[in-house]
Amino acid sequence: MSDTELEDHIIKIARTLNIFNFRAYNISIVSDYQKFLELILPKNVTNILVVLPLDGNRLVNQIKEAISKVRPASSLTIMYSKNINQKMYIGYCSSTDKVTKQNLDSLTESTR
């Protein structure tokens, strides 16, 4: 992901959700969101951030429904970007990501 492609406020919100791993997907290649999300999201996902183009309103219900079926315990945030077109970004945080980040923070603090 290019940092200049997504707006700063989206990156900041992603960081507050412990999401550091965005991937871009071409919207036109996804025909079944439930199968697609089942494939790309780990089972232990806790937070999901989906960034859609401004004209992506038609996808919101499909994405919400698919995530509620494949990862019902996860928290979903959907945002819009004026800088992307014909693709979406999906980032997530899993429970192991949180533990790893907490461990890294602890190590950083203990070495100061």
PDB file of N, CA and C in Angstrom:
ATOM      1  N   MET A   1       0.845  -1.175   0.000  1.00  0.00           N
ATOM      2  CA  MET A   1       0.000   0.000   0.000  1.00  0.00           C
ATOM      3  C   MET A   1       0.881   1.225   0.000  1.00  0.00           C
ATOM      4  N   SER A   2       0.542   2.148  -0.801  1.00  0.00           N
ATOM      5  CA  SER A   2       1.227   3.429  -0.797  1.00  0.00           C
ATOM      6  C   SER A   2       0.608   4.316   0.268  1.00  0.00           C
ATOM      7  N   ASP A   3       1.456   4.892   1.130  1.00  0.00           N
ATOM      8  CA  ASP A   3       0.941   5.750   2.187  1.00  0.00           C
ATOM      9  C   ASP A   3       0.238   6.970   1.632  1.00  0.00           C
ATOM     10  N   THR A   4       0.595   7.380   0.419  1.00  0.00           N
ATOM     11  CA  THR A   4      -0.036   8.564  -0.150  1.00  0.00           C
ATOM     12  C   THR A   4      -1.402   8.248  -0.741  1.00  0.00           C
ATOM     13  N   GLU A   5      -1.714   6.971  -0.916  1.00  0.00           N
ATOM     14  CA  GLU A   5      -2.991   6.616  -1.537  1.00  0.00           C
ATOM     15  C   GLU A   5      -4.161   6.770  -0.565  1.00  0.00           C
ATOM     16  N   LEU A   6      -3.994   6.353   0.667  1.00  0.00           N
ATOM     17  CA  LEU A   6      -5.053   6.501   1.667  1.00  0.00           C
ATOM     18  C   LEU A   6      -4.805   7.755   2.489  1.00  0.00           C
ATOM     19  N   GLU A   7      -5.884   8.416   2.836  1.00  0.00           N
ATOM     20  CA  GLU A   7      -5.798   9.660   3.580  1.00  0.00           C
ATOM     21  C   GLU A   7      -5.239   9.427   4.983  1.00  0.00           C
ATOM     22  N   ASP A   8      -4.617  10.452   5.531  1.00  0.00           N
ATOM     23  CA  ASP A   8      -4.001  10.356   6.861  1.00  0.00           C
ATOM     24  C   ASP A   8      -4.990   9.938   7.933  1.00  0.00           C
ATOM     25  N   HIS A   9      -6.213  10.454   7.877  1.00  0.00           N
ATOM     26  CA  HIS A   9      -7.177  10.113   8.928  1.00  0.00           C
ATOM     27  C   HIS A   9      -7.534   8.626   8.898  1.00  0.00           C
ATOM     28  N   ILE A  10      -7.504   8.004   7.736  1.00  0.00           N
ATOM     29  CA  ILE A  10      -7.766   6.567   7.648  1.00  0.00           C
ATOM     30  C   ILE A  10      -6.612   5.791   8.272  1.00  0.00           C
ATOM     31  N   ILE A  11      -5.393   6.198   7.981  1.00  0.00           N
ATOM     32  CA  ILE A  11      -4.216   5.542   8.563  1.00  0.00           C
ATOM     33  C   ILE A  11      -4.233   5.680  10.084  1.00  0.00           C
ATOM     34  N   LYS A  12      -4.573   6.861  10.584  1.00  0.00           N
ATOM     35  CA  LYS A  12      -4.617   7.077  12.039  1.00  0.00           C
ATOM     36  C   LYS A  12      -5.656   6.186  12.703  1.00  0.00           C
ATOM     37  N   ILE A  13      -6.826   6.081  12.113  1.00  0.00           N
ATOM     38  CA  ILE A  13      -7.865   5.214  12.682  1.00  0.00           C
ATOM     39  C   ILE A  13      -7.422   3.759  12.638  1.00  0.00           C
ATOM     40  N   ALA A  14      -6.790   3.355  11.555  1.00  0.00           N
ATOM     41  CA  ALA A  14      -6.279   1.986  11.461  1.00  0.00           C
ATOM     42  C   ALA A  14      -5.300   1.699  12.595  1.00  0.00           C
ATOM     43  N   ARG A  15      -4.418   2.639  12.866  1.00  0.00           N
ATOM     44  CA  ARG A  15      -3.427   2.442  13.934  1.00  0.00           C
ATOM     45  C   ARG A  15      -4.098   2.328  15.303  1.00  0.00           C
ATOM     46  N   THR A  16      -5.164   3.115  15.533  1.00  0.00           N
ATOM     47  CA  THR A  16      -5.858   3.018  16.826  1.00  0.00           C
ATOM     48  C   THR A  16      -6.548   1.670  16.984  1.00  0.00           C
ATOM     49  N   LEU A  17      -6.848   1.015  15.870  1.00  0.00           N
ATOM     50  CA  LEU A  17      -7.451  -0.317  15.900  1.00  0.00           C
ATOM     51  C   LEU A  17      -6.396  -1.423  15.842  1.00  0.00           C
ATOM     52  N   ASN A  18      -5.129  -1.048  15.929  1.00  0.00           N
ATOM     53  CA  ASN A  18      -3.999  -1.990  15.831  1.00  0.00           C
ATOM     54  C   ASN A  18      -3.940  -2.690  14.474  1.00  0.00           C
ATOM     55  N   ILE A  19      -4.349  -1.986  13.437  1.00  0.00           N
ATOM     56  CA  ILE A  19      -4.317  -2.539  12.083  1.00  0.00           C
ATOM     57  C   ILE A  19      -3.128  -1.934  11.344  1.00  0.00           C
ATOM     58  N   PHE A  20      -2.211  -2.806  10.948  1.00  0.00           N
ATOM     59  CA  PHE A  20      -0.989  -2.362  10.283  1.00  0.00           C
ATOM     60  C   PHE A  20      -0.776  -3.051   8.939  1.00  0.00           C
ATOM     61  N   ASN A  21      -1.680  -3.914   8.538  1.00  0.00           N
ATOM     62  CA  ASN A  21      -1.446  -4.749   7.354  1.00  0.00           C
ATOM     63  C   ASN A  21      -2.563  -4.606   6.324  1.00  0.00           C
ATOM     64  N   PHE A  22      -2.609  -3.492   5.633  1.00  0.00           N
ATOM     65  CA  PHE A  22      -3.600  -3.294   4.573  1.00  0.00           C
ATOM     66  C   PHE A  22      -3.183  -4.031   3.307  1.00  0.00           C
ATOM     67  N   ARG A  23      -4.185  -4.530   2.612  1.00  0.00           N
ATOM     68  CA  ARG A  23      -3.973  -5.108   1.287  1.00  0.00           C
ATOM     69  C   ARG A  23      -5.044  -4.528   0.360  1.00  0.00           C
ATOM     70  N   ALA A  24      -4.650  -4.269  -0.872  1.00  0.00           N
ATOM     71  CA  ALA A  24      -5.586  -3.751  -1.872  1.00  0.00           C
ATOM     72  C   ALA A  24      -6.126  -4.910  -2.699  1.00  0.00           C
ATOM     73  N   TYR A  25      -7.413  -4.852  -2.997  1.00  0.00           N
ATOM     74  CA  TYR A  25      -8.075  -5.863  -3.818  1.00  0.00           C
ATOM     75  C   TYR A  25      -8.912  -5.151  -4.868  1.00  0.00           C
ATOM     76  N   ASN A  26      -8.857  -5.646  -6.083  1.00  0.00           N
ATOM     77  CA  ASN A  26      -9.670  -5.086  -7.147  1.00  0.00           C
ATOM     78  C   ASN A  26     -11.114  -5.529  -6.929  1.00  0.00           C
ATOM     79  N   ILE A  27     -12.020  -4.582  -6.855  1.00  0.00           N
ATOM     80  CA  ILE A  27     -13.427  -4.882  -6.574  1.00  0.00           C
ATOM     81  C   ILE A  27     -14.031  -5.787  -7.644  1.00  0.00           C
ATOM     82  N   SER A  28     -13.626  -5.622  -8.874  1.00  0.00           N
ATOM     83  CA  SER A  28     -14.237  -6.381  -9.972  1.00  0.00           C
ATOM     84  C   SER A  28     -13.915  -7.875  -9.935  1.00  0.00           C
ATOM     85  N   ILE A  29     -12.894  -8.287  -9.196  1.00  0.00           N
ATOM     86  CA  ILE A  29     -12.560  -9.717  -9.170  1.00  0.00           C
ATOM     87  C   ILE A  29     -13.335 -10.492  -8.111  1.00  0.00           C
ATOM     88  N   VAL A  30     -14.031  -9.790  -7.209  1.00  0.00           N
ATOM     89  CA  VAL A  30     -14.750 -10.465  -6.128  1.00  0.00           C
ATOM     90  C   VAL A  30     -16.200 -10.678  -6.548  1.00  0.00           C
ATOM     91  N   SER A  31     -16.602 -11.946  -6.628  1.00  0.00           N
ATOM     92  CA  SER A  31     -17.992 -12.243  -6.981  1.00  0.00           C
ATOM     93  C   SER A  31     -18.782 -12.735  -5.771  1.00  0.00           C
ATOM     94  N   ASP A  32     -18.101 -13.333  -4.806  1.00  0.00           N
ATOM     95  CA  ASP A  32     -18.759 -13.848  -3.601  1.00  0.00           C
ATOM     96  C   ASP A  32     -17.965 -13.363  -2.384  1.00  0.00           C
ATOM     97  N   TYR A  33     -18.479 -12.346  -1.712  1.00  0.00           N
ATOM     98  CA  TYR A  33     -17.747 -11.752  -0.592  1.00  0.00           C
ATOM     99  C   TYR A  33     -17.587 -12.712   0.575  1.00  0.00           C
ATOM    100  N   GLN A  34     -18.550 -13.580   0.784  1.00  0.00           N
ATOM    101  CA  GLN A  34     -18.433 -14.523   1.890  1.00  0.00           C
ATOM    102  C   GLN A  34     -17.246 -15.467   1.669  1.00  0.00           C
ATOM    103  N   LYS A  35     -17.129 -16.037   0.494  1.00  0.00           N
ATOM    104  CA  LYS A  35     -15.998 -16.930   0.194  1.00  0.00           C
ATOM    105  C   LYS A  35     -14.677 -16.166   0.202  1.00  0.00           C
ATOM    106  N   PHE A  36     -14.691 -14.980  -0.366  1.00  0.00           N
ATOM    107  CA  PHE A  36     -13.484 -14.154  -0.432  1.00  0.00           C
ATOM    108  C   PHE A  36     -12.972 -13.814   0.970  1.00  0.00           C
ATOM    109  N   LEU A  37     -13.861 -13.343   1.839  1.00  0.00           N
ATOM    110  CA  LEU A  37     -13.446 -12.956   3.195  1.00  0.00           C
ATOM    111  C   LEU A  37     -13.062 -14.168   4.034  1.00  0.00           C
ATOM    112  N   GLU A  38     -13.726 -15.285   3.819  1.00  0.00           N
ATOM    113  CA  GLU A  38     -13.360 -16.524   4.509  1.00  0.00           C
ATOM    114  C   GLU A  38     -11.919 -16.904   4.157  1.00  0.00           C
ATOM    115  N   LEU A  39     -11.547 -16.673   2.922  1.00  0.00           N
ATOM    116  CA  LEU A  39     -10.209 -17.016   2.444  1.00  0.00           C
ATOM    117  C   LEU A  39      -9.131 -16.079   2.994  1.00  0.00           C
ATOM    118  N   ILE A  40      -9.396 -14.774   3.036  1.00  0.00           N
ATOM    119  CA  ILE A  40      -8.325 -13.826   3.376  1.00  0.00           C
ATOM    120  C   ILE A  40      -8.236 -13.475   4.857  1.00  0.00           C
ATOM    121  N   LEU A  41      -9.320 -13.663   5.619  1.00  0.00           N
ATOM    122  CA  LEU A  41      -9.296 -13.258   7.030  1.00  0.00           C
ATOM    123  C   LEU A  41      -8.951 -14.436   7.932  1.00  0.00           C
ATOM    124  N   PRO A  42      -7.999 -14.258   8.835  1.00  0.00           N
ATOM    125  CA  PRO A  42      -7.688 -15.340   9.772  1.00  0.00           C
ATOM    126  C   PRO A  42      -8.868 -15.596  10.712  1.00  0.00           C
ATOM    127  N   LYS A  43      -8.913 -16.783  11.257  1.00  0.00           N
ATOM    128  CA  LYS A  43     -10.019 -17.157  12.147  1.00  0.00           C
ATOM    129  C   LYS A  43     -10.036 -16.332  13.426  1.00  0.00           C
ATOM    130  N   ASN A  44      -8.875 -15.889  13.888  1.00  0.00           N
ATOM    131  CA  ASN A  44      -8.794 -15.165  15.161  1.00  0.00           C
ATOM    132  C   ASN A  44      -8.804 -13.645  14.987  1.00  0.00           C
ATOM    133  N   VAL A  45      -9.392 -13.157  13.893  1.00  0.00           N
ATOM    134  CA  VAL A  45      -9.434 -11.721  13.634  1.00  0.00           C
ATOM    135  C   VAL A  45     -10.343 -11.040  14.663  1.00  0.00           C
ATOM    136  N   THR A  46      -9.900  -9.870  15.145  1.00  0.00           N
ATOM    137  CA  THR A  46     -10.692  -9.127  16.126  1.00  0.00           C
ATOM    138  C   THR A  46     -11.222  -7.821  15.558  1.00  0.00           C
ATOM    139  N   ASN A  47     -10.424  -7.117  14.768  1.00  0.00           N
ATOM    140  CA  ASN A  47     -10.829  -5.851  14.148  1.00  0.00           C
ATOM    141  C   ASN A  47     -10.598  -5.930  12.649  1.00  0.00           C
ATOM    142  N   ILE A  48     -11.570  -5.439  11.898  1.00  0.00           N
ATOM    143  CA  ILE A  48     -11.456  -5.405  10.443  1.00  0.00           C
ATOM    144  C   ILE A  48     -11.766  -3.987   9.987  1.00  0.00           C
ATOM    145  N   LEU A  49     -10.913  -3.456   9.128  1.00  0.00           N
ATOM    146  CA  LEU A  49     -11.147  -2.140   8.532  1.00  0.00           C
ATOM    147  C   LEU A  49     -11.209  -2.312   7.022  1.00  0.00           C
ATOM    148  N   VAL A  50     -12.330  -1.924   6.442  1.00  0.00           N
ATOM    149  CA  VAL A  50     -12.516  -1.979   4.996  1.00  0.00           C
ATOM    150  C   VAL A  50     -12.599  -0.544   4.493  1.00  0.00           C
ATOM    151  N   VAL A  51     -11.778  -0.216   3.510  1.00  0.00           N
ATOM    152  CA  VAL A  51     -11.794   1.120   2.912  1.00  0.00           C
ATOM    153  C   VAL A  51     -12.278   0.970   1.474  1.00  0.00           C
ATOM    154  N   LEU A  52     -13.368   1.667   1.184  1.00  0.00           N
ATOM    155  CA  LEU A  52     -14.003   1.597  -0.131  1.00  0.00           C
ATOM    156  C   LEU A  52     -13.867   2.928  -0.857  1.00  0.00           C
ATOM    157  N   PRO A  53     -13.985   2.902  -2.186  1.00  0.00           N
ATOM    158  CA  PRO A  53     -14.036   4.179  -2.908  1.00  0.00           C
ATOM    159  C   PRO A  53     -15.341   4.901  -2.559  1.00  0.00           C
ATOM    160  N   LEU A  54     -15.396   6.179  -2.837  1.00  0.00           N
ATOM    161  CA  LEU A  54     -16.587   6.968  -2.500  1.00  0.00           C
ATOM    162  C   LEU A  54     -17.866   6.399  -3.107  1.00  0.00           C
ATOM    163  N   ASP A  55     -17.763   5.762  -4.252  1.00  0.00           N
ATOM    164  CA  ASP A  55     -18.958   5.180  -4.880  1.00  0.00           C
ATOM    165  C   ASP A  55     -19.196   3.731  -4.456  1.00  0.00           C
ATOM    166  N   GLY A  56     -18.607   3.306  -3.355  1.00  0.00           N
ATOM    167  CA  GLY A  56     -18.702   1.922  -2.899  1.00  0.00           C
ATOM    168  C   GLY A  56     -19.889   1.599  -2.016  1.00  0.00           C
ATOM    169  N   ASN A  57     -20.863   2.497  -1.915  1.00  0.00           N
ATOM    170  CA  ASN A  57     -22.032   2.261  -1.059  1.00  0.00           C
ATOM    171  C   ASN A  57     -22.764   0.968  -1.385  1.00  0.00           C
ATOM    172  N   ARG A  58     -22.790   0.590  -2.628  1.00  0.00           N
ATOM    173  CA  ARG A  58     -23.516  -0.612  -3.031  1.00  0.00           C
ATOM    174  C   ARG A  58     -22.909  -1.881  -2.441  1.00  0.00           C
ATOM    175  N   LEU A  59     -21.667  -1.812  -1.996  1.00  0.00           N
ATOM    176  CA  LEU A  59     -20.978  -2.990  -1.462  1.00  0.00           C
ATOM    177  C   LEU A  59     -21.136  -3.155   0.045  1.00  0.00           C
ATOM    178  N   VAL A  60     -21.537  -2.103   0.735  1.00  0.00           N
ATOM    179  CA  VAL A  60     -21.519  -2.111   2.199  1.00  0.00           C
ATOM    180  C   VAL A  60     -22.340  -3.253   2.780  1.00  0.00           C
ATOM    181  N   ASN A  61     -23.574  -3.419   2.341  1.00  0.00           N
ATOM    182  CA  ASN A  61     -24.419  -4.476   2.902  1.00  0.00           C
ATOM    183  C   ASN A  61     -23.868  -5.865   2.607  1.00  0.00           C
ATOM    184  N   GLN A  62     -23.329  -6.058   1.410  1.00  0.00           N
ATOM    185  CA  GLN A  62     -22.734  -7.358   1.068  1.00  0.00           C
ATOM    186  C   GLN A  62     -21.558  -7.665   1.992  1.00  0.00           C
ATOM    187  N   ILE A  63     -20.715  -6.674   2.227  1.00  0.00           N
ATOM    188  CA  ILE A  63     -19.534  -6.873   3.069  1.00  0.00           C
ATOM    189  C   ILE A  63     -19.945  -7.110   4.518  1.00  0.00           C
ATOM    190  N   LYS A  64     -20.867  -6.299   5.029  1.00  0.00           N
ATOM    191  CA  LYS A  64     -21.338  -6.476   6.412  1.00  0.00           C
ATOM    192  C   LYS A  64     -21.927  -7.868   6.616  1.00  0.00           C
ATOM    193  N   GLU A  65     -22.777  -8.277   5.699  1.00  0.00           N
ATOM    194  CA  GLU A  65     -23.422  -9.583   5.809  1.00  0.00           C
ATOM    195  C   GLU A  65     -22.393 -10.713   5.750  1.00  0.00           C
ATOM    196  N   ALA A  66     -21.458 -10.611   4.827  1.00  0.00           N
ATOM    197  CA  ALA A  66     -20.441 -11.657   4.685  1.00  0.00           C
ATOM    198  C   ALA A  66     -19.572 -11.752   5.936  1.00  0.00           C
ATOM    199  N   ILE A  67     -19.148 -10.623   6.476  1.00  0.00           N
ATOM    200  CA  ILE A  67     -18.298 -10.652   7.673  1.00  0.00           C
ATOM    201  C   ILE A  67     -19.076 -11.174   8.872  1.00  0.00           C
ATOM    202  N   SER A  68     -20.343 -10.814   8.983  1.00  0.00           N
ATOM    203  CA  SER A  68     -21.138 -11.314  10.110  1.00  0.00           C
ATOM    204  C   SER A  68     -21.299 -12.830  10.051  1.00  0.00           C
ATOM    205  N   LYS A  69     -21.202 -13.404   8.862  1.00  0.00           N
ATOM    206  CA  LYS A  69     -21.297 -14.859   8.723  1.00  0.00           C
ATOM    207  C   LYS A  69     -19.954 -15.551   8.932  1.00  0.00           C
ATOM    208  N   VAL A  70     -18.878 -14.988   8.381  1.00  0.00           N
ATOM    209  CA  VAL A  70     -17.590 -15.693   8.436  1.00  0.00           C
ATOM    210  C   VAL A  70     -16.777 -15.370   9.688  1.00  0.00           C
ATOM    211  N   ARG A  71     -16.915 -14.167  10.237  1.00  0.00           N
ATOM    212  CA  ARG A  71     -16.186 -13.770  11.448  1.00  0.00           C
ATOM    213  C   ARG A  71     -17.127 -12.968  12.361  1.00  0.00           C
ATOM    214  N   PRO A  72     -18.142 -13.635  12.924  1.00  0.00           N
ATOM    215  CA  PRO A  72     -19.177 -12.922  13.679  1.00  0.00           C
ATOM    216  C   PRO A  72     -18.673 -12.230  14.947  1.00  0.00           C
ATOM    217  N   ALA A  73     -17.571 -12.661  15.505  1.00  0.00           N
ATOM    218  CA  ALA A  73     -17.062 -12.051  16.742  1.00  0.00           C
ATOM    219  C   ALA A  73     -16.182 -10.832  16.480  1.00  0.00           C
ATOM    220  N   SER A  74     -15.922 -10.532  15.233  1.00  0.00           N
ATOM    221  CA  SER A  74     -15.017  -9.423  14.919  1.00  0.00           C
ATOM    222  C   SER A  74     -15.767  -8.095  14.861  1.00  0.00           C
ATOM    223  N   SER A  75     -15.005  -7.029  15.023  1.00  0.00           N
ATOM    224  CA  SER A  75     -15.529  -5.671  14.926  1.00  0.00           C
ATOM    225  C   SER A  75     -15.198  -5.135  13.536  1.00  0.00           C
ATOM    226  N   LEU A  76     -16.189  -4.563  12.869  1.00  0.00           N
ATOM    227  CA  LEU A  76     -16.018  -4.086  11.497  1.00  0.00           C
ATOM    228  C   LEU A  76     -16.139  -2.572  11.445  1.00  0.00           C
ATOM    229  N   THR A  77     -15.182  -1.935  10.780  1.00  0.00           N
ATOM    230  CA  THR A  77     -15.235  -0.505  10.489  1.00  0.00           C
ATOM    231  C   THR A  77     -15.132  -0.345   8.979  1.00  0.00           C
ATOM    232  N   ILE A  78     -16.054   0.430   8.412  1.00  0.00           N
ATOM    233  CA  ILE A  78     -16.015   0.707   6.977  1.00  0.00           C
ATOM    234  C   ILE A  78     -15.808   2.199   6.790  1.00  0.00           C
ATOM    235  N   MET A  79     -14.828   2.546   5.972  1.00  0.00           N
ATOM    236  CA  MET A  79     -14.529   3.946   5.676  1.00  0.00           C
ATOM    237  C   MET A  79     -14.478   4.122   4.162  1.00  0.00           C
ATOM    238  N   TYR A  80     -14.498   5.380   3.748  1.00  0.00           N
ATOM    239  CA  TYR A  80     -14.451   5.706   2.326  1.00  0.00           C
ATOM    240  C   TYR A  80     -13.246   6.586   2.037  1.00  0.00           C
ATOM    241  N   SER A  81     -12.660   6.376   0.865  1.00  0.00           N
ATOM    242  CA  SER A  81     -11.517   7.172   0.438  1.00  0.00           C
ATOM    243  C   SER A  81     -11.805   7.777  -0.928  1.00  0.00           C
ATOM    244  N   LYS A  82     -11.474   9.045  -1.061  1.00  0.00           N
ATOM    245  CA  LYS A  82     -11.624   9.699  -2.369  1.00  0.00           C
ATOM    246  C   LYS A  82     -10.445   9.384  -3.281  1.00  0.00           C
ATOM    247  N   ASN A  83      -9.401   8.789  -2.728  1.00  0.00           N
ATOM    248  CA  ASN A  83      -8.175   8.542  -3.493  1.00  0.00           C
ATOM    249  C   ASN A  83      -8.116   7.178  -4.172  1.00  0.00           C
ATOM    250  N   ILE A  84      -9.077   6.317  -3.909  1.00  0.00           N
ATOM    251  CA  ILE A  84      -9.027   4.988  -4.533  1.00  0.00           C
ATOM    252  C   ILE A  84     -10.212   4.832  -5.480  1.00  0.00           C
ATOM    253  N   ASN A  85     -10.014   3.992  -6.484  1.00  0.00           N
ATOM    254  CA  ASN A  85     -11.047   3.774  -7.483  1.00  0.00           C
ATOM    255  C   ASN A  85     -10.964   2.321  -7.944  1.00  0.00           C
ATOM    256  N   GLN A  86     -12.089   1.646  -7.973  1.00  0.00           N
ATOM    257  CA  GLN A  86     -12.175   0.265  -8.445  1.00  0.00           C
ATOM    258  C   GLN A  86     -11.389  -0.737  -7.603  1.00  0.00           C
ATOM    259  N   LYS A  87     -11.024  -0.339  -6.387  1.00  0.00           N
ATOM    260  CA  LYS A  87     -10.398  -1.303  -5.485  1.00  0.00           C
ATOM    261  C   LYS A  87     -10.814  -0.973  -4.065  1.00  0.00           C
ATOM    262  N   MET A  88     -10.570  -1.918  -3.197  1.00  0.00           N
ATOM    263  CA  MET A  88     -10.839  -1.706  -1.783  1.00  0.00           C
ATOM    264  C   MET A  88      -9.610  -2.148  -1.009  1.00  0.00           C
ATOM    265  N   TYR A  89      -9.455  -1.583   0.161  1.00  0.00           N
ATOM    266  CA  TYR A  89      -8.382  -1.986   1.058  1.00  0.00           C
ATOM    267  C   TYR A  89      -9.001  -2.694   2.242  1.00  0.00           C
ATOM    268  N   ILE A  90      -8.394  -3.789   2.636  1.00  0.00           N
ATOM    269  CA  ILE A  90      -8.843  -4.512   3.819  1.00  0.00           C
ATOM    270  C   ILE A  90      -7.638  -4.690   4.722  1.00  0.00           C
ATOM    271  N   GLY A  91      -7.820  -4.307   5.965  1.00  0.00           N
ATOM    272  CA  GLY A  91      -6.805  -4.509   6.987  1.00  0.00           C
ATOM    273  C   GLY A  91      -7.464  -5.152   8.185  1.00  0.00           C
ATOM    274  N   TYR A  92      -6.690  -5.865   8.959  1.00  0.00           N
ATOM    275  CA  TYR A  92      -7.280  -6.528  10.122  1.00  0.00           C
ATOM    276  C   TYR A  92      -6.252  -6.668  11.226  1.00  0.00           C
ATOM    277  N   CYS A  93      -6.759  -6.919  12.394  1.00  0.00           N
ATOM    278  CA  CYS A  93      -5.935  -7.222  13.560  1.00  0.00           C
ATOM    279  C   CYS A  93      -6.464  -8.519  14.140  1.00  0.00           C
ATOM    280  N   SER A  94      -5.585  -9.457  14.368  1.00  0.00           N
ATOM    281  CA  SER A  94      -5.998 -10.716  14.988  1.00  0.00           C
ATOM    282  C   SER A  94      -5.558 -10.713  16.439  1.00  0.00           C
ATOM    283  N   SER A  95      -6.065 -11.640  17.202  1.00  0.00           N
ATOM    284  CA  SER A  95      -5.701 -11.687  18.617  1.00  0.00           C
ATOM    285  C   SER A  95      -4.206 -11.936  18.786  1.00  0.00           C
ATOM    286  N   THR A  96      -3.570 -12.662  17.868  1.00  0.00           N
ATOM    287  CA  THR A  96      -2.124 -12.867  17.966  1.00  0.00           C
ATOM    288  C   THR A  96      -1.360 -11.599  17.620  1.00  0.00           C
ATOM    289  N   ASP A  97      -1.902 -10.769  16.716  1.00  0.00           N
ATOM    290  CA  ASP A  97      -1.270  -9.481  16.407  1.00  0.00           C
ATOM    291  C   ASP A  97      -1.225  -8.603  17.639  1.00  0.00           C
ATOM    292  N   LYS A  98      -2.320  -8.592  18.411  1.00  0.00           N
ATOM    293  CA  LYS A  98      -2.367  -7.762  19.611  1.00  0.00           C
ATOM    294  C   LYS A  98      -1.326  -8.218  20.622  1.00  0.00           C
ATOM    295  N   VAL A  99      -1.222  -9.531  20.800  1.00  0.00           N
ATOM    296  CA  VAL A  99      -0.248 -10.057  21.754  1.00  0.00           C
ATOM    297  C   VAL A  99       1.161  -9.698  21.305  1.00  0.00           C
ATOM    298  N   THR A 100       1.445  -9.869  20.028  1.00  0.00           N
ATOM    299  CA  THR A 100       2.768  -9.553  19.506  1.00  0.00           C
ATOM    300  C   THR A 100       3.089  -8.081  19.690  1.00  0.00           C
ATOM    301  N   LYS A 101       2.139  -7.201  19.391  1.00  0.00           N
ATOM    302  CA  LYS A 101       2.366  -5.771  19.552  1.00  0.00           C
ATOM    303  C   LYS A 101       2.587  -5.428  21.025  1.00  0.00           C
ATOM    304  N   GLN A 102       1.810  -6.032  21.924  1.00  0.00           N
ATOM    305  CA  GLN A 102       1.999  -5.786  23.354  1.00  0.00           C
ATOM    306  C   GLN A 102       3.382  -6.259  23.792  1.00  0.00           C
ATOM    307  N   ASN A 103       3.817  -7.407  23.293  1.00  0.00           N
ATOM    308  CA  ASN A 103       5.148  -7.909  23.630  1.00  0.00           C
ATOM    309  C   ASN A 103       6.231  -6.975  23.108  1.00  0.00           C
ATOM    310  N   LEU A 104       6.063  -6.471  21.892  1.00  0.00           N
ATOM    311  CA  LEU A 104       7.038  -5.530  21.343  1.00  0.00           C
ATOM    312  C   LEU A 104       7.080  -4.248  22.162  1.00  0.00           C
ATOM    313  N   ASP A 105       5.908  -3.746  22.558  1.00  0.00           N
ATOM    314  CA  ASP A 105       5.857  -2.541  23.384  1.00  0.00           C
ATOM    315  C   ASP A 105       6.559  -2.779  24.716  1.00  0.00           C
ATOM    316  N   SER A 106       6.352  -3.956  25.303  1.00  0.00           N
ATOM    317  CA  SER A 106       7.005  -4.290  26.571  1.00  0.00           C
ATOM    318  C   SER A 106       8.516  -4.343  26.410  1.00  0.00           C
ATOM    319  N   LEU A 107       8.971  -4.955  25.332  1.00  0.00           N
ATOM    320  CA  LEU A 107      10.409  -5.039  25.085  1.00  0.00           C
ATOM    321  C   LEU A 107      11.008  -3.656  24.891  1.00  0.00           C
ATOM    322  N   THR A 108      10.304  -2.811  24.160  1.00  0.00           N
ATOM    323  CA  THR A 108      10.780  -1.449  23.920  1.00  0.00           C
ATOM    324  C   THR A 108      10.899  -0.691  25.233  1.00  0.00           C
ATOM    325  N   GLU A 109       9.899  -0.829  26.085  1.00  0.00           N
ATOM    326  CA  GLU A 109       9.909  -0.137  27.377  1.00  0.00           C
ATOM    327  C   GLU A 109      11.035  -0.667  28.270  1.00  0.00           C
ATOM    328  N   SER A 110      11.259  -1.972  28.251  1.00  0.00           N
ATOM    329  CA  SER A 110      12.260  -2.549  29.148  1.00  0.00           C
ATOM    330  C   SER A 110      13.691  -2.246  28.712  1.00  0.00           C
ATOM    331  N   THR A 111      13.882  -1.876  27.442  1.00  0.00           N
ATOM    332  CA  THR A 111      15.237  -1.570  26.972  1.00  0.00           C
ATOM    333  C   THR A 111      15.582  -0.095  27.096  1.00  0.00           C
ATOM    334  N   ARG A 112      14.649   0.699  27.573  1.00  0.00           N
ATOM    335  CA  ARG A 112      14.917   2.141  27.718  1.00  0.00           C
ATOM    336  C   ARG A 112      15.630   2.435  28.996  1.00  0.00           C
TER     337      ARG A 112
END
